[in-house]
N, C-alpha and C. Protein backbone atom coordinates (compact mmCIF):
# COMPACT_ATOMS: atom_id res chain seq x y z
N MET A 1 -8.88 9.51 9.06
CA MET A 1 -9.08 10.92 8.84
C MET A 1 -10.55 11.11 8.45
N LYS A 2 -11.14 12.15 8.95
CA LYS A 2 -12.51 12.43 8.58
C LYS A 2 -12.63 12.79 7.12
N LYS A 3 -13.83 12.48 6.57
CA LYS A 3 -13.97 12.76 5.16
C LYS A 3 -13.95 14.23 4.80
N ASN A 4 -14.23 15.14 5.73
CA ASN A 4 -14.22 16.58 5.36
C ASN A 4 -12.78 17.13 5.39
N ASN A 5 -11.83 16.38 5.87
CA ASN A 5 -10.43 16.83 5.81
C ASN A 5 -9.95 16.65 4.40
N GLU A 6 -9.22 17.64 3.88
CA GLU A 6 -8.64 17.50 2.58
C GLU A 6 -7.23 18.02 2.59
N VAL A 7 -6.36 17.37 1.77
CA VAL A 7 -4.99 17.77 1.63
C VAL A 7 -4.85 18.18 0.19
N ILE A 8 -4.32 19.40 0.00
CA ILE A 8 -4.05 19.89 -1.34
C ILE A 8 -2.51 20.09 -1.42
N ILE A 9 -1.91 19.37 -2.37
CA ILE A 9 -0.46 19.46 -2.55
C ILE A 9 -0.25 19.69 -4.05
N ALA A 10 0.48 20.77 -4.34
CA ALA A 10 0.76 21.17 -5.75
C ALA A 10 -0.53 21.21 -6.55
N ASN A 11 -1.54 21.85 -5.99
CA ASN A 11 -2.87 22.04 -6.64
C ASN A 11 -3.62 20.76 -6.94
N LYS A 12 -3.25 19.66 -6.31
CA LYS A 12 -3.98 18.38 -6.46
C LYS A 12 -4.58 18.03 -5.06
N THR A 13 -5.86 17.69 -5.08
CA THR A 13 -6.55 17.35 -3.85
C THR A 13 -6.47 15.86 -3.61
N TYR A 14 -6.12 15.52 -2.37
CA TYR A 14 -5.97 14.13 -1.97
C TYR A 14 -7.04 13.87 -0.85
N ASP A 15 -7.82 12.85 -1.02
CA ASP A 15 -8.77 12.46 0.05
C ASP A 15 -8.33 11.16 0.70
N ASN A 16 -7.21 10.56 0.24
CA ASN A 16 -6.69 9.32 0.78
C ASN A 16 -5.40 9.69 1.55
N ILE A 17 -5.44 9.44 2.88
CA ILE A 17 -4.26 9.80 3.67
C ILE A 17 -2.99 9.08 3.27
N GLU A 18 -3.11 7.86 2.77
CA GLU A 18 -1.91 7.17 2.39
C GLU A 18 -1.26 7.85 1.19
N ASP A 19 -2.05 8.26 0.24
CA ASP A 19 -1.49 8.95 -0.98
C ASP A 19 -0.87 10.33 -0.56
N ALA A 20 -1.62 11.09 0.26
CA ALA A 20 -1.10 12.39 0.65
C ALA A 20 0.16 12.24 1.50
N GLY A 21 0.16 11.26 2.41
CA GLY A 21 1.36 11.04 3.22
C GLY A 21 2.57 10.63 2.41
N ALA A 22 2.32 9.81 1.34
CA ALA A 22 3.41 9.38 0.48
C ALA A 22 3.99 10.59 -0.25
N ILE A 23 3.17 11.46 -0.77
CA ILE A 23 3.67 12.65 -1.46
C ILE A 23 4.48 13.57 -0.55
N ILE A 24 3.94 13.75 0.70
CA ILE A 24 4.63 14.59 1.60
C ILE A 24 6.01 13.96 1.99
N LYS A 25 6.01 12.63 2.12
CA LYS A 25 7.33 11.95 2.39
C LYS A 25 8.30 12.21 1.31
N VAL A 26 7.89 12.08 0.04
CA VAL A 26 8.77 12.36 -1.10
C VAL A 26 9.28 13.79 -1.07
N LEU A 27 8.37 14.76 -0.83
CA LEU A 27 8.75 16.13 -0.77
C LEU A 27 9.78 16.39 0.39
N SER A 28 9.53 15.68 1.52
CA SER A 28 10.45 15.85 2.64
C SER A 28 11.82 15.22 2.30
N ASP A 29 11.84 14.07 1.70
CA ASP A 29 13.10 13.44 1.35
C ASP A 29 13.91 14.24 0.35
N ASN A 30 13.17 15.02 -0.51
CA ASN A 30 13.85 15.79 -1.56
C ASN A 30 14.05 17.24 -1.13
N ALA A 31 13.66 17.62 0.04
CA ALA A 31 13.80 19.03 0.51
C ALA A 31 15.29 19.37 0.56
N VAL A 32 15.67 20.54 0.04
CA VAL A 32 17.07 20.93 0.06
C VAL A 32 17.25 22.25 0.80
N SER A 33 16.21 23.01 0.98
CA SER A 33 16.27 24.32 1.58
C SER A 33 15.92 24.30 3.09
N THR A 34 16.62 25.06 3.88
CA THR A 34 16.19 25.20 5.27
C THR A 34 15.19 26.27 5.47
N GLU A 35 14.78 26.91 4.35
CA GLU A 35 13.71 27.90 4.37
C GLU A 35 12.37 27.14 4.29
N GLU A 36 11.34 27.70 4.85
CA GLU A 36 10.02 27.16 4.72
C GLU A 36 9.54 27.28 3.28
N LYS A 37 8.98 26.20 2.75
CA LYS A 37 8.45 26.22 1.41
C LYS A 37 7.01 25.72 1.43
N GLN A 38 6.10 26.56 0.90
CA GLN A 38 4.70 26.13 0.90
C GLN A 38 4.47 25.02 -0.11
N ILE A 39 3.81 23.97 0.38
CA ILE A 39 3.57 22.79 -0.52
C ILE A 39 2.11 22.60 -0.77
N GLY A 40 1.22 23.29 -0.01
CA GLY A 40 -0.20 23.11 -0.21
C GLY A 40 -1.00 23.61 0.99
N LYS A 41 -2.13 22.91 1.21
CA LYS A 41 -3.11 23.27 2.25
C LYS A 41 -3.59 22.01 2.91
N PHE A 42 -3.95 22.11 4.19
CA PHE A 42 -4.57 21.01 4.90
C PHE A 42 -5.64 21.56 5.75
N ASN A 43 -6.84 21.17 5.47
CA ASN A 43 -8.04 21.55 6.30
C ASN A 43 -8.10 23.06 6.64
N GLY A 44 -7.73 23.87 5.60
CA GLY A 44 -7.86 25.31 5.75
C GLY A 44 -6.57 26.00 6.22
N PHE A 45 -5.55 25.26 6.58
CA PHE A 45 -4.25 25.76 6.97
C PHE A 45 -3.31 25.74 5.77
N ASP A 46 -2.42 26.71 5.68
CA ASP A 46 -1.36 26.64 4.70
C ASP A 46 -0.36 25.64 5.25
N LEU A 47 0.17 24.81 4.30
CA LEU A 47 1.10 23.73 4.69
C LEU A 47 2.43 23.98 4.07
N PHE A 48 3.45 23.96 4.93
CA PHE A 48 4.82 24.19 4.54
C PHE A 48 5.71 23.04 4.95
N ILE A 49 6.86 22.91 4.27
CA ILE A 49 7.86 21.95 4.61
C ILE A 49 9.16 22.68 4.84
N LYS A 50 9.95 22.18 5.79
CA LYS A 50 11.27 22.77 6.11
C LYS A 50 12.31 21.72 6.38
N LYS A 51 13.41 21.81 5.68
CA LYS A 51 14.52 20.86 5.91
C LYS A 51 15.20 21.23 7.22
N LYS A 52 15.46 20.25 8.03
CA LYS A 52 16.26 20.47 9.26
C LYS A 52 17.63 19.79 9.07
N GLN A 53 18.63 20.47 9.48
CA GLN A 53 19.99 19.95 9.23
C GLN A 53 20.34 18.68 10.06
N MET A 54 19.95 18.68 11.34
CA MET A 54 20.44 17.60 12.18
C MET A 54 19.31 16.76 12.76
N SER A 55 18.14 16.84 12.19
CA SER A 55 17.00 16.04 12.72
C SER A 55 16.01 15.80 11.56
N PHE A 56 14.89 15.31 11.92
CA PHE A 56 13.84 15.07 10.94
C PHE A 56 13.30 16.39 10.40
N ASN A 57 12.86 16.42 9.18
CA ASN A 57 12.28 17.62 8.58
C ASN A 57 10.95 17.95 9.31
N GLU A 58 10.49 19.17 9.06
CA GLU A 58 9.24 19.62 9.72
C GLU A 58 8.14 19.93 8.67
N LEU A 59 6.92 19.63 9.10
CA LEU A 59 5.78 20.17 8.39
C LEU A 59 5.28 21.31 9.30
N ILE A 60 4.85 22.38 8.67
CA ILE A 60 4.38 23.53 9.41
C ILE A 60 3.01 23.96 8.88
N LEU A 61 2.09 24.03 9.80
CA LEU A 61 0.74 24.51 9.52
C LEU A 61 0.61 25.94 9.95
N LYS A 62 0.10 26.79 9.05
CA LYS A 62 -0.08 28.21 9.38
C LYS A 62 -1.51 28.63 9.11
N GLY A 63 -2.12 29.20 10.11
CA GLY A 63 -3.46 29.79 10.03
C GLY A 63 -3.48 30.93 10.97
N ASN A 64 -4.38 30.98 11.94
CA ASN A 64 -4.31 31.99 13.00
C ASN A 64 -3.13 31.80 13.92
N ASN A 65 -2.70 30.53 14.07
CA ASN A 65 -1.54 30.11 14.79
C ASN A 65 -0.59 29.30 13.87
N THR A 66 0.56 29.04 14.33
CA THR A 66 1.56 28.23 13.63
C THR A 66 1.79 26.98 14.43
N TYR A 67 1.79 25.79 13.74
CA TYR A 67 2.02 24.52 14.41
C TYR A 67 3.13 23.81 13.64
N ARG A 68 4.03 23.17 14.35
CA ARG A 68 5.14 22.46 13.75
C ARG A 68 5.10 21.00 14.12
N ILE A 69 5.32 20.16 13.08
CA ILE A 69 5.26 18.72 13.30
C ILE A 69 6.53 18.09 12.72
N GLU A 70 7.21 17.33 13.59
CA GLU A 70 8.41 16.66 13.13
C GLU A 70 8.02 15.45 12.23
N LEU A 71 8.55 15.36 11.04
CA LEU A 71 8.20 14.29 10.18
C LEU A 71 9.03 13.06 10.52
N GLY A 72 8.34 11.89 10.55
CA GLY A 72 8.98 10.63 10.76
C GLY A 72 9.09 9.83 9.45
N ASP A 73 9.40 8.55 9.55
CA ASP A 73 9.55 7.72 8.40
C ASP A 73 8.24 7.14 7.85
N SER A 74 7.19 7.21 8.61
CA SER A 74 5.90 6.64 8.20
C SER A 74 4.96 7.69 7.61
N PRO A 75 4.64 7.57 6.31
CA PRO A 75 3.69 8.52 5.71
C PRO A 75 2.38 8.57 6.49
N HIS A 76 1.89 7.39 6.87
CA HIS A 76 0.61 7.34 7.59
C HIS A 76 0.74 8.04 8.96
N GLY A 77 1.84 7.75 9.65
CA GLY A 77 2.02 8.38 10.96
C GLY A 77 2.14 9.87 10.88
N ASN A 78 2.78 10.36 9.81
CA ASN A 78 2.84 11.84 9.61
C ASN A 78 1.50 12.41 9.43
N MET A 79 0.64 11.77 8.67
CA MET A 79 -0.73 12.30 8.47
C MET A 79 -1.54 12.23 9.76
N VAL A 80 -1.34 11.23 10.55
CA VAL A 80 -2.03 11.13 11.89
C VAL A 80 -1.58 12.30 12.75
N ARG A 81 -0.28 12.61 12.76
CA ARG A 81 0.23 13.70 13.55
C ARG A 81 -0.42 15.04 13.08
N LEU A 82 -0.49 15.16 11.77
CA LEU A 82 -1.05 16.41 11.16
C LEU A 82 -2.49 16.56 11.61
N GLU A 83 -3.27 15.48 11.48
CA GLU A 83 -4.69 15.51 11.87
C GLU A 83 -4.85 15.80 13.35
N ASN A 84 -4.01 15.24 14.19
CA ASN A 84 -4.08 15.48 15.63
C ASN A 84 -3.80 16.98 15.99
N VAL A 85 -2.89 17.62 15.28
CA VAL A 85 -2.64 19.05 15.53
C VAL A 85 -3.84 19.82 15.19
N VAL A 86 -4.48 19.50 14.10
CA VAL A 86 -5.70 20.27 13.68
C VAL A 86 -6.83 20.04 14.62
N LYS A 87 -6.97 18.85 15.16
CA LYS A 87 -8.05 18.57 16.12
C LYS A 87 -7.82 19.42 17.39
N LYS A 88 -6.63 19.64 17.79
CA LYS A 88 -6.35 20.35 19.04
C LYS A 88 -6.44 21.88 18.83
N SER A 89 -6.43 22.36 17.56
CA SER A 89 -6.43 23.81 17.36
C SER A 89 -7.81 24.38 17.52
């Protein structure tokens, strides 16, 4: 992840993707609502999490557009997916 990317979760800034990914994984594992819940910001986008009933939970990025990312078991892999979506936007 580039150094200018930052993840803010619960008003705490993370510059280490492993730490941010681990926190997002915990939030995903503990998600109980199928409603979108804002958990922070990523590189200028609002960051939401949503529990899915029959599949992996989602991370949702909202800015000028909305992007959805299916969360997997790997915290690092989830952060790579997140970064890739931002690169394409």
